[in-house]
Each structure stands twice: as structure tokens, then as C-alpha cells.
Amino acid sequence: MRFTRQFLSEVPPQLRQLGLAACPVCHSSSLDTFDMPAILPVGEVVRPDEKGDFADGTVLFMLVVGCPLCGHSMLFDVARFARGDEDVFWRGPGDEPY
């Protein structure tokens, strides 16, 4: 599972608007967003169902923003950046088609 290209193109401007233009540790302006989510279990860990979905409230999908210079990494809740029912994940084989 990867983030869609559209989602990854929309997030960096939103982060800059919120004040994250540089690494808070080394002040490098070359932050990277990872194309795969980090999955953060919350409470009891529950396996996904046959469709690959997790029960509500069992996991958070997190966007990882990292500094390639010093290695500092930050996690952001994907749900805060998704608009409405927008599907932010590409679940197909290989890379998302253009």
C-alpha cells in the first residue's frame, strides 16, 4: 500500500502553510515525504479483515516526513490531510498508473 501521487503532491504545501518549511533539528530545507504509510497501532492490535481493512480505531495511518541530512523523522495523521472520502492509498500491484 502506497499513498497516491495526488495525495503526496498536496501534503508538502499544507505542511509549509502550517510552518514546517525546514527540519526542526538541523534546519535543512530538504524534507522528504515517504510514499508508504507508517501504521501505528492504538489500543488492542487487531488483524485486518479479508478486504485488508482494519476495524475503526485500531490503527492510525501516519505520513512520515524525514530529513535526509540528519535523519530526524516526524509522523502526521493521514486523516488530518485527506479531504472527505478521498482515497489516499494506492493498493494495486506496482506503481500507481499515471
C-alpha atoms as a PDB file:
ATOM      1  CA  MET A   1       0.000   0.000   0.000  1.00  0.00           C
ATOM      2  CA  ARG A   2       1.331   3.415  -1.008  1.00  0.00           C
ATOM      3  CA  PHE A   3      -0.001   6.958  -0.981  1.00  0.00           C
ATOM      4  CA  THR A   4      -1.422   8.217  -4.257  1.00  0.00           C
ATOM      5  CA  ARG A   5       0.697  10.658  -6.220  1.00  0.00           C
ATOM      6  CA  GLN A   6      -2.036  13.267  -5.891  1.00  0.00           C
ATOM      7  CA  PHE A   7      -2.051  12.986  -2.095  1.00  0.00           C
ATOM      8  CA  LEU A   8       1.747  13.228  -1.904  1.00  0.00           C
ATOM      9  CA  SER A   9       1.719  16.345  -4.069  1.00  0.00           C
ATOM     10  CA  GLU A  10      -0.876  18.071  -1.850  1.00  0.00           C
ATOM     11  CA  VAL A  11       0.720  17.458   1.552  1.00  0.00           C
ATOM     12  CA  PRO A  12       4.031  19.416   1.397  1.00  0.00           C
ATOM     13  CA  PRO A  13       2.312  22.763   0.672  1.00  0.00           C
ATOM     14  CA  GLN A  14      -0.070  22.118   3.581  1.00  0.00           C
ATOM     15  CA  LEU A  15       2.860  21.373   5.892  1.00  0.00           C
ATOM     16  CA  ARG A  16       4.639  24.566   4.810  1.00  0.00           C
ATOM     17  CA  GLN A  17       1.445  26.513   5.447  1.00  0.00           C
ATOM     18  CA  LEU A  18       1.428  25.070   8.980  1.00  0.00           C
ATOM     19  CA  GLY A  19       5.017  26.270   9.490  1.00  0.00           C
ATOM     20  CA  LEU A  20       7.077  23.184   8.641  1.00  0.00           C
ATOM     21  CA  ALA A  21       9.443  24.535   5.997  1.00  0.00           C
ATOM     22  CA  ALA A  22      12.648  23.087   7.452  1.00  0.00           C
ATOM     23  CA  CYS A  23      13.865  20.324   9.730  1.00  0.00           C
ATOM     24  CA  PRO A  24      13.344  21.388  13.361  1.00  0.00           C
ATOM     25  CA  VAL A  25      16.652  19.748  14.333  1.00  0.00           C
ATOM     26  CA  CYS A  26      19.234  20.740  11.683  1.00  0.00           C
ATOM     27  CA  HIS A  27      17.196  23.384   9.798  1.00  0.00           C
ATOM     28  CA  SER A  28      17.739  21.718   6.414  1.00  0.00           C
ATOM     29  CA  SER A  29      15.032  22.698   3.935  1.00  0.00           C
ATOM     30  CA  SER A  30      15.139  19.355   2.100  1.00  0.00           C
ATOM     31  CA  LEU A  31      12.430  17.341   3.868  1.00  0.00           C
ATOM     32  CA  ASP A  32      11.146  14.152   2.234  1.00  0.00           C
ATOM     33  CA  THR A  33       7.722  12.540   2.474  1.00  0.00           C
ATOM     34  CA  PHE A  34       7.744   8.748   2.428  1.00  0.00           C
ATOM     35  CA  ASP A  35       5.457   7.141  -0.142  1.00  0.00           C
ATOM     36  CA  MET A  36       4.326   4.350   2.193  1.00  0.00           C
ATOM     37  CA  PRO A  37       2.409   4.960   5.423  1.00  0.00           C
ATOM     38  CA  ALA A  38       3.603   4.062   8.878  1.00  0.00           C
ATOM     39  CA  ILE A  39       0.936   2.069  10.701  1.00  0.00           C
ATOM     40  CA  LEU A  40       0.588   2.972  14.356  1.00  0.00           C
ATOM     41  CA  PRO A  41      -1.451   0.527  16.473  1.00  0.00           C
ATOM     42  CA  VAL A  42      -3.740   2.191  19.005  1.00  0.00           C
ATOM     43  CA  GLY A  43      -5.021   0.090  21.869  1.00  0.00           C
ATOM     44  CA  GLU A  44      -5.556  -3.579  21.113  1.00  0.00           C
ATOM     45  CA  VAL A  45      -3.858  -4.776  17.942  1.00  0.00           C
ATOM     46  CA  VAL A  46      -6.417  -6.318  15.599  1.00  0.00           C
ATOM     47  CA  ARG A  47      -5.609  -8.045  12.329  1.00  0.00           C
ATOM     48  CA  PRO A  48      -7.133  -6.643   9.133  1.00  0.00           C
ATOM     49  CA  ASP A  49     -10.234  -8.352   7.736  1.00  0.00           C
ATOM     50  CA  GLU A  50     -10.312 -10.237   4.427  1.00  0.00           C
ATOM     51  CA  LYS A  51     -10.527  -6.940   2.473  1.00  0.00           C
ATOM     52  CA  GLY A  52      -7.406  -5.617   4.216  1.00  0.00           C
ATOM     53  CA  ASP A  53      -9.309  -3.035   6.268  1.00  0.00           C
ATOM     54  CA  PHE A  54      -8.708  -2.516   9.974  1.00  0.00           C
ATOM     55  CA  ALA A  55     -11.569  -2.058  12.413  1.00  0.00           C
ATOM     56  CA  ASP A  56     -12.180   1.599  13.284  1.00  0.00           C
ATOM     57  CA  GLY A  57      -9.884   2.924  15.959  1.00  0.00           C
ATOM     58  CA  THR A  58      -7.377   0.074  15.946  1.00  0.00           C
ATOM     59  CA  VAL A  59      -4.670   1.689  13.803  1.00  0.00           C
ATOM     60  CA  LEU A  60      -3.643   5.143  12.640  1.00  0.00           C
ATOM     61  CA  PHE A  61      -2.119   5.597   9.207  1.00  0.00           C
ATOM     62  CA  MET A  62       0.719   8.059   9.542  1.00  0.00           C
ATOM     63  CA  LEU A  63       2.592  10.105   6.962  1.00  0.00           C
ATOM     64  CA  VAL A  64       6.333  10.035   7.614  1.00  0.00           C
ATOM     65  CA  VAL A  65       8.267  13.229   6.899  1.00  0.00           C
ATOM     66  CA  GLY A  66      12.003  12.826   7.263  1.00  0.00           C
ATOM     67  CA  CYS A  67      15.151  14.857   6.959  1.00  0.00           C
ATOM     68  CA  PRO A  68      17.697  13.232   4.639  1.00  0.00           C
ATOM     69  CA  LEU A  69      20.516  15.219   6.251  1.00  0.00           C
ATOM     70  CA  CYS A  70      20.183  14.371   9.962  1.00  0.00           C
ATOM     71  CA  GLY A  71      17.597  11.563   9.905  1.00  0.00           C
ATOM     72  CA  HIS A  72      15.021  13.291  12.109  1.00  0.00           C
ATOM     73  CA  SER A  73      11.560  11.896  11.330  1.00  0.00           C
ATOM     74  CA  MET A  74       8.078  13.175  12.116  1.00  0.00           C
ATOM     75  CA  LEU A  75       4.695  11.435  11.951  1.00  0.00           C
ATOM     76  CA  PHE A  76       1.463  13.097  10.830  1.00  0.00           C
ATOM     77  CA  ASP A  77      -2.034  11.587  10.966  1.00  0.00           C
ATOM     78  CA  VAL A  78      -3.127  10.987   7.353  1.00  0.00           C
ATOM     79  CA  ALA A  79      -6.772  11.561   8.295  1.00  0.00           C
ATOM     80  CA  ARG A  80      -5.947  15.234   9.011  1.00  0.00           C
ATOM     81  CA  PHE A  81      -4.807  15.750   5.410  1.00  0.00           C
ATOM     82  CA  ALA A  82      -7.363  13.667   3.483  1.00  0.00           C
ATOM     83  CA  ARG A  83     -10.365  15.505   2.088  1.00  0.00           C
ATOM     84  CA  GLY A  84     -13.754  13.862   2.632  1.00  0.00           C
ATOM     85  CA  ASP A  85     -13.966  10.404   1.115  1.00  0.00           C
ATOM     86  CA  GLU A  86     -10.782  10.853  -0.931  1.00  0.00           C
ATOM     87  CA  ASP A  87      -8.861   7.598  -1.192  1.00  0.00           C
ATOM     88  CA  VAL A  88      -5.269   8.497  -0.397  1.00  0.00           C
ATOM     89  CA  PHE A  89      -3.901   4.958  -0.849  1.00  0.00           C
ATOM     90  CA  TRP A  90      -2.841   3.052  -3.956  1.00  0.00           C
ATOM     91  CA  ARG A  91      -3.418  -0.640  -3.231  1.00  0.00           C
ATOM     92  CA  GLY A  92      -2.682  -2.082  -6.661  1.00  0.00           C
ATOM     93  CA  PRO A  93       0.393  -4.026  -7.718  1.00  0.00           C
ATOM     94  CA  GLY A  94       3.457  -1.981  -8.609  1.00  0.00           C
ATOM     95  CA  ASP A  95       3.366   1.765  -9.050  1.00  0.00           C
ATOM     96  CA  GLU A  96       0.186   3.752  -9.461  1.00  0.00           C
ATOM     97  CA  PRO A  97      -0.599   4.339 -13.144  1.00  0.00           C
ATOM     98  CA  TYR A  98      -0.446   7.915 -14.400  1.00  0.00           C
END
